[in-house]
Amino acid sequence: MVLTGPIAAGKNTVAEKLAQRLTDHGNTVVIADVDDIAAMVGAPGAGAAGLWFAAHEAHGALVGQWLRSDVDHVVAVGPFWTAEEQDALVRTLPHDAAALWVVIDAPVSVTLARAQADPTRVISRDPAFHRRAHDRFRQLLPAIPADKTFDSEQLTADQIAAGIAHALGVG
């Protein structure tokens, strides 16, 4: 399963709630966030070092390897907005792997407020950066695969996780 959407739309919160639902039903779950892979690049960071796409490729390989294991569900989290980012994720997946693509969305007014309220965030708290990233997401949204779309302004993370679990046939 793939969770994507703009910055601070709630992807990680939903991933955690979904993992809890799935494990409560006896499933094993891996959450693989492309941001965690990008964070492995030392200063000045993956983006500044020109290694953002390399992080996407490493993430895709990690997700593919987890899907070859005995784990029941892999939740890939990140900004898989461009065709290149999507390909980096899916090209190393097992041939029989079927991905459920989920877009979690919210308006920039909501996501910026969330980002600014989160002291662990760094660059995404900057209004100019945040708005540019959100505008880029909006521009690319028509080409992002979406089996399911949820509005995190209207629905809680628990409600979204329940909807995804239902789509997976769990719970």
C-alpha atoms as a PDB file:
ATOM      1  CA  MET A   1       0.000   0.000   0.000  1.00  0.00           C
ATOM      2  CA  VAL A   2       1.167   3.507  -0.817  1.00  0.00           C
ATOM      3  CA  LEU A   3       0.249   6.618   1.179  1.00  0.00           C
ATOM      4  CA  THR A   4       1.000   9.902  -0.528  1.00  0.00           C
ATOM      5  CA  GLY A   5      -0.161  13.486  -0.338  1.00  0.00           C
ATOM      6  CA  PRO A   6       1.095  16.959   0.504  1.00  0.00           C
ATOM      7  CA  ILE A   7       3.300  17.855   3.448  1.00  0.00           C
ATOM      8  CA  ALA A   8       1.471  17.521   6.808  1.00  0.00           C
ATOM      9  CA  ALA A   9      -1.651  15.947   5.318  1.00  0.00           C
ATOM     10  CA  GLY A  10      -1.413  13.214   7.957  1.00  0.00           C
ATOM     11  CA  LYS A  11       0.281  10.398   6.062  1.00  0.00           C
ATOM     12  CA  ASN A  12       2.445   9.206   8.966  1.00  0.00           C
ATOM     13  CA  THR A  13      -0.356   9.495  11.514  1.00  0.00           C
ATOM     14  CA  VAL A  14      -2.635   7.449   9.265  1.00  0.00           C
ATOM     15  CA  ALA A  15       0.165   4.918   8.663  1.00  0.00           C
ATOM     16  CA  GLU A  16       0.565   4.439  12.424  1.00  0.00           C
ATOM     17  CA  LYS A  17      -3.204   4.096  12.993  1.00  0.00           C
ATOM     18  CA  LEU A  18      -3.478   1.672  10.075  1.00  0.00           C
ATOM     19  CA  ALA A  19      -0.554  -0.410  11.341  1.00  0.00           C
ATOM     20  CA  GLN A  20      -2.266  -0.664  14.729  1.00  0.00           C
ATOM     21  CA  ARG A  21      -5.534  -1.795  13.112  1.00  0.00           C
ATOM     22  CA  LEU A  22      -3.754  -4.382  10.997  1.00  0.00           C
ATOM     23  CA  THR A  23      -1.656  -5.732  13.863  1.00  0.00           C
ATOM     24  CA  ASP A  24      -4.767  -5.898  16.053  1.00  0.00           C
ATOM     25  CA  HIS A  25      -6.067  -8.378  13.448  1.00  0.00           C
ATOM     26  CA  GLY A  26      -2.906 -10.496  13.646  1.00  0.00           C
ATOM     27  CA  ASN A  27      -1.059  -9.009  10.655  1.00  0.00           C
ATOM     28  CA  THR A  28       2.580  -8.013  10.505  1.00  0.00           C
ATOM     29  CA  VAL A  29       3.188  -4.508   9.170  1.00  0.00           C
ATOM     30  CA  VAL A  30       6.190  -2.494   8.014  1.00  0.00           C
ATOM     31  CA  ILE A  31       5.952   1.277   7.631  1.00  0.00           C
ATOM     32  CA  ALA A  32       8.601   2.510   5.203  1.00  0.00           C
ATOM     33  CA  ASP A  33       8.799   6.308   4.894  1.00  0.00           C
ATOM     34  CA  VAL A  34      10.905   7.772   2.107  1.00  0.00           C
ATOM     35  CA  ASP A  35      11.694  10.733   4.401  1.00  0.00           C
ATOM     36  CA  ASP A  36      13.430   8.324   6.795  1.00  0.00           C
ATOM     37  CA  ILE A  37      15.621   7.100   3.943  1.00  0.00           C
ATOM     38  CA  ALA A  38      16.382  10.665   2.840  1.00  0.00           C
ATOM     39  CA  ALA A  39      17.287  11.510   6.453  1.00  0.00           C
ATOM     40  CA  MET A  40      20.130   8.999   6.244  1.00  0.00           C
ATOM     41  CA  VAL A  41      22.038  11.494   4.087  1.00  0.00           C
ATOM     42  CA  GLY A  42      24.226  13.639   6.317  1.00  0.00           C
ATOM     43  CA  ALA A  43      24.417  17.414   6.173  1.00  0.00           C
ATOM     44  CA  PRO A  44      23.449  19.267   4.085  1.00  0.00           C
ATOM     45  CA  GLY A  45      20.738  16.640   3.512  1.00  0.00           C
ATOM     46  CA  ALA A  46      19.397  14.645   0.585  1.00  0.00           C
ATOM     47  CA  GLY A  47      17.693  17.573  -1.119  1.00  0.00           C
ATOM     48  CA  ALA A  48      20.623  19.987  -0.891  1.00  0.00           C
ATOM     49  CA  ALA A  49      23.105  17.257  -1.850  1.00  0.00           C
ATOM     50  CA  GLY A  50      21.118  16.341  -4.951  1.00  0.00           C
ATOM     51  CA  LEU A  51      20.322  12.892  -3.533  1.00  0.00           C
ATOM     52  CA  TRP A  52      16.553  13.142  -3.128  1.00  0.00           C
ATOM     53  CA  PHE A  53      15.871  10.829  -6.074  1.00  0.00           C
ATOM     54  CA  ALA A  54      18.546   8.388  -4.865  1.00  0.00           C
ATOM     55  CA  ALA A  55      16.598   8.232  -1.599  1.00  0.00           C
ATOM     56  CA  HIS A  56      13.476   7.334  -3.597  1.00  0.00           C
ATOM     57  CA  GLU A  57      15.371   4.552  -5.372  1.00  0.00           C
ATOM     58  CA  ALA A  58      16.778   3.171  -2.098  1.00  0.00           C
ATOM     59  CA  HIS A  59      13.296   3.364  -0.568  1.00  0.00           C
ATOM     60  CA  GLY A  60      11.798   1.429  -3.500  1.00  0.00           C
ATOM     61  CA  ALA A  61      14.421  -1.292  -3.089  1.00  0.00           C
ATOM     62  CA  LEU A  62      13.648  -1.483   0.654  1.00  0.00           C
ATOM     63  CA  VAL A  63       9.898  -1.741   0.065  1.00  0.00           C
ATOM     64  CA  GLY A  64      10.454  -4.402  -2.599  1.00  0.00           C
ATOM     65  CA  GLN A  65      12.617  -6.445  -0.262  1.00  0.00           C
ATOM     66  CA  TRP A  66      10.068  -6.236   2.552  1.00  0.00           C
ATOM     67  CA  LEU A  67       7.379  -7.434   0.136  1.00  0.00           C
ATOM     68  CA  ARG A  68       9.541 -10.479  -0.629  1.00  0.00           C
ATOM     69  CA  SER A  69       9.580 -11.350   3.074  1.00  0.00           C
ATOM     70  CA  ASP A  70       6.839 -12.937   5.172  1.00  0.00           C
ATOM     71  CA  VAL A  71       5.461  -9.565   6.298  1.00  0.00           C
ATOM     72  CA  ASP A  72       1.723  -9.217   5.633  1.00  0.00           C
ATOM     73  CA  HIS A  73       1.549  -5.512   4.747  1.00  0.00           C
ATOM     74  CA  VAL A  74       4.047  -2.850   3.742  1.00  0.00           C
ATOM     75  CA  VAL A  75       2.924   0.763   4.004  1.00  0.00           C
ATOM     76  CA  ALA A  76       5.084   2.984   1.786  1.00  0.00           C
ATOM     77  CA  VAL A  77       4.799   6.623   2.865  1.00  0.00           C
ATOM     78  CA  GLY A  78       6.060   9.621   0.970  1.00  0.00           C
ATOM     79  CA  PRO A  79       5.719  12.158  -1.780  1.00  0.00           C
ATOM     80  CA  PHE A  80       5.385   9.835  -4.768  1.00  0.00           C
ATOM     81  CA  TRP A  81       4.150  12.648  -6.948  1.00  0.00           C
ATOM     82  CA  THR A  82       6.087  12.380 -10.204  1.00  0.00           C
ATOM     83  CA  ALA A  83       6.185   9.484 -12.635  1.00  0.00           C
ATOM     84  CA  GLU A  84       9.889   9.077 -11.794  1.00  0.00           C
ATOM     85  CA  GLU A  85       9.214   8.881  -8.043  1.00  0.00           C
ATOM     86  CA  GLN A  86       6.388   6.418  -8.626  1.00  0.00           C
ATOM     87  CA  ASP A  87       8.591   4.283 -10.879  1.00  0.00           C
ATOM     88  CA  ALA A  88      11.419   4.310  -8.308  1.00  0.00           C
ATOM     89  CA  LEU A  89       8.935   2.830  -5.840  1.00  0.00           C
ATOM     90  CA  VAL A  90       7.303   0.177  -8.010  1.00  0.00           C
ATOM     91  CA  ARG A  91      10.066  -1.048 -10.319  1.00  0.00           C
ATOM     92  CA  THR A  92      11.673  -3.300  -7.688  1.00  0.00           C
ATOM     93  CA  LEU A  93       8.406  -4.691  -6.328  1.00  0.00           C
ATOM     94  CA  PRO A  94       7.667  -8.381  -6.823  1.00  0.00           C
ATOM     95  CA  HIS A  95       5.729  -8.961 -10.038  1.00  0.00           C
ATOM     96  CA  ASP A  96       2.716 -10.292  -8.145  1.00  0.00           C
ATOM     97  CA  ALA A  97       2.566  -7.305  -5.746  1.00  0.00           C
ATOM     98  CA  ALA A  98      -0.552  -5.188  -6.153  1.00  0.00           C
ATOM     99  CA  ALA A  99      -0.261  -1.737  -4.633  1.00  0.00           C
ATOM    100  CA  LEU A 100      -3.251   0.106  -3.212  1.00  0.00           C
ATOM    101  CA  TRP A 101      -2.550   3.804  -3.875  1.00  0.00           C
ATOM    102  CA  VAL A 102      -4.045   6.140  -1.282  1.00  0.00           C
ATOM    103  CA  VAL A 103      -3.919   9.929  -1.489  1.00  0.00           C
ATOM    104  CA  ILE A 104      -4.411  11.777   1.779  1.00  0.00           C
ATOM    105  CA  ASP A 105      -5.121  15.417   1.076  1.00  0.00           C
ATOM    106  CA  ALA A 106      -5.904  18.668   2.885  1.00  0.00           C
ATOM    107  CA  PRO A 107      -5.810  22.343   1.930  1.00  0.00           C
ATOM    108  CA  VAL A 108      -2.592  24.286   2.398  1.00  0.00           C
ATOM    109  CA  SER A 109      -4.181  26.372   5.175  1.00  0.00           C
ATOM    110  CA  VAL A 110      -4.643  23.161   7.173  1.00  0.00           C
ATOM    111  CA  THR A 111      -1.307  21.537   6.353  1.00  0.00           C
ATOM    112  CA  LEU A 112       0.717  24.689   7.037  1.00  0.00           C
ATOM    113  CA  ALA A 113      -0.947  25.117  10.437  1.00  0.00           C
ATOM    114  CA  ARG A 114      -0.177  21.469  11.254  1.00  0.00           C
ATOM    115  CA  ALA A 115       3.450  21.811  10.158  1.00  0.00           C
ATOM    116  CA  GLN A 116       3.953  25.016  12.129  1.00  0.00           C
ATOM    117  CA  ALA A 117       2.455  23.409  15.245  1.00  0.00           C
ATOM    118  CA  ASP A 118       4.914  20.493  15.040  1.00  0.00           C
ATOM    119  CA  PRO A 119       8.252  21.414  16.656  1.00  0.00           C
ATOM    120  CA  THR A 120       9.964  18.379  15.104  1.00  0.00           C
ATOM    121  CA  ARG A 121       9.502  19.760  11.597  1.00  0.00           C
ATOM    122  CA  VAL A 122      12.152  21.978  10.088  1.00  0.00           C
ATOM    123  CA  ILE A 123      11.849  23.282   6.537  1.00  0.00           C
ATOM    124  CA  SER A 124       8.189  22.331   6.119  1.00  0.00           C
ATOM    125  CA  ARG A 125       7.345  24.922   8.802  1.00  0.00           C
ATOM    126  CA  ASP A 126       8.563  27.688   6.495  1.00  0.00           C
ATOM    127  CA  PRO A 127       5.455  29.175   4.808  1.00  0.00           C
ATOM    128  CA  ALA A 128       7.148  29.867   1.459  1.00  0.00           C
ATOM    129  CA  PHE A 129       8.648  26.362   1.218  1.00  0.00           C
ATOM    130  CA  HIS A 130       5.417  24.765   2.378  1.00  0.00           C
ATOM    131  CA  ARG A 131       3.282  26.645  -0.141  1.00  0.00           C
ATOM    132  CA  ARG A 132       5.688  25.830  -3.012  1.00  0.00           C
ATOM    133  CA  ALA A 133       5.596  22.134  -2.118  1.00  0.00           C
ATOM    134  CA  HIS A 134       1.814  22.209  -1.807  1.00  0.00           C
ATOM    135  CA  ASP A 135       1.466  23.986  -5.169  1.00  0.00           C
ATOM    136  CA  ARG A 136       3.726  21.350  -6.742  1.00  0.00           C
ATOM    137  CA  PHE A 137       1.565  18.583  -5.279  1.00  0.00           C
ATOM    138  CA  ARG A 138      -1.600  20.246  -6.653  1.00  0.00           C
ATOM    139  CA  GLN A 139      -0.003  20.567 -10.090  1.00  0.00           C
ATOM    140  CA  LEU A 140       1.042  16.887 -10.142  1.00  0.00           C
ATOM    141  CA  LEU A 141      -2.083  15.481  -8.463  1.00  0.00           C
ATOM    142  CA  PRO A 142      -3.873  14.505 -11.720  1.00  0.00           C
ATOM    143  CA  ALA A 143      -1.016  12.092 -12.550  1.00  0.00           C
ATOM    144  CA  ILE A 144      -0.788  10.501  -9.087  1.00  0.00           C
ATOM    145  CA  PRO A 145      -2.411   7.049  -8.946  1.00  0.00           C
ATOM    146  CA  ALA A 146      -5.304   7.031  -6.491  1.00  0.00           C
ATOM    147  CA  ASP A 147      -7.369   3.965  -5.700  1.00  0.00           C
ATOM    148  CA  LYS A 148      -8.674   5.832  -2.662  1.00  0.00           C
ATOM    149  CA  THR A 149      -8.580   9.521  -1.715  1.00  0.00           C
ATOM    150  CA  PHE A 150      -9.266  10.886   1.749  1.00  0.00           C
ATOM    151  CA  ASP A 151      -9.559  14.484   2.981  1.00  0.00           C
ATOM    152  CA  SER A 152      -7.805  14.747   6.343  1.00  0.00           C
ATOM    153  CA  GLU A 153      -9.468  18.077   7.021  1.00  0.00           C
ATOM    154  CA  GLN A 154     -12.842  16.283   7.046  1.00  0.00           C
ATOM    155  CA  LEU A 155     -11.834  12.859   8.413  1.00  0.00           C
ATOM    156  CA  THR A 156      -9.729  11.833  11.393  1.00  0.00           C
ATOM    157  CA  ALA A 157      -6.673   9.622  11.016  1.00  0.00           C
ATOM    158  CA  ASP A 158      -8.665   6.797  12.640  1.00  0.00           C
ATOM    159  CA  GLN A 159     -11.470   7.172  10.107  1.00  0.00           C
ATOM    160  CA  ILE A 160      -9.018   7.163   7.204  1.00  0.00           C
ATOM    161  CA  ALA A 161      -7.196   4.123   8.610  1.00  0.00           C
ATOM    162  CA  ALA A 162     -10.535   2.318   8.972  1.00  0.00           C
ATOM    163  CA  GLY A 163     -11.389   3.110   5.348  1.00  0.00           C
ATOM    164  CA  ILE A 164      -8.046   1.787   4.139  1.00  0.00           C
ATOM    165  CA  ALA A 165      -8.303  -1.350   6.289  1.00  0.00           C
ATOM    166  CA  HIS A 166     -11.764  -1.965   4.845  1.00  0.00           C
ATOM    167  CA  ALA A 167     -10.366  -1.590   1.292  1.00  0.00           C
ATOM    168  CA  LEU A 168      -7.730  -4.169   2.236  1.00  0.00           C
ATOM    169  CA  GLY A 169     -10.430  -6.516   3.508  1.00  0.00           C
ATOM    170  CA  VAL A 170      -9.246  -6.271   7.116  1.00  0.00           C
ATOM    171  CA  GLY A 171     -11.573  -5.437   9.989  1.00  0.00           C
END
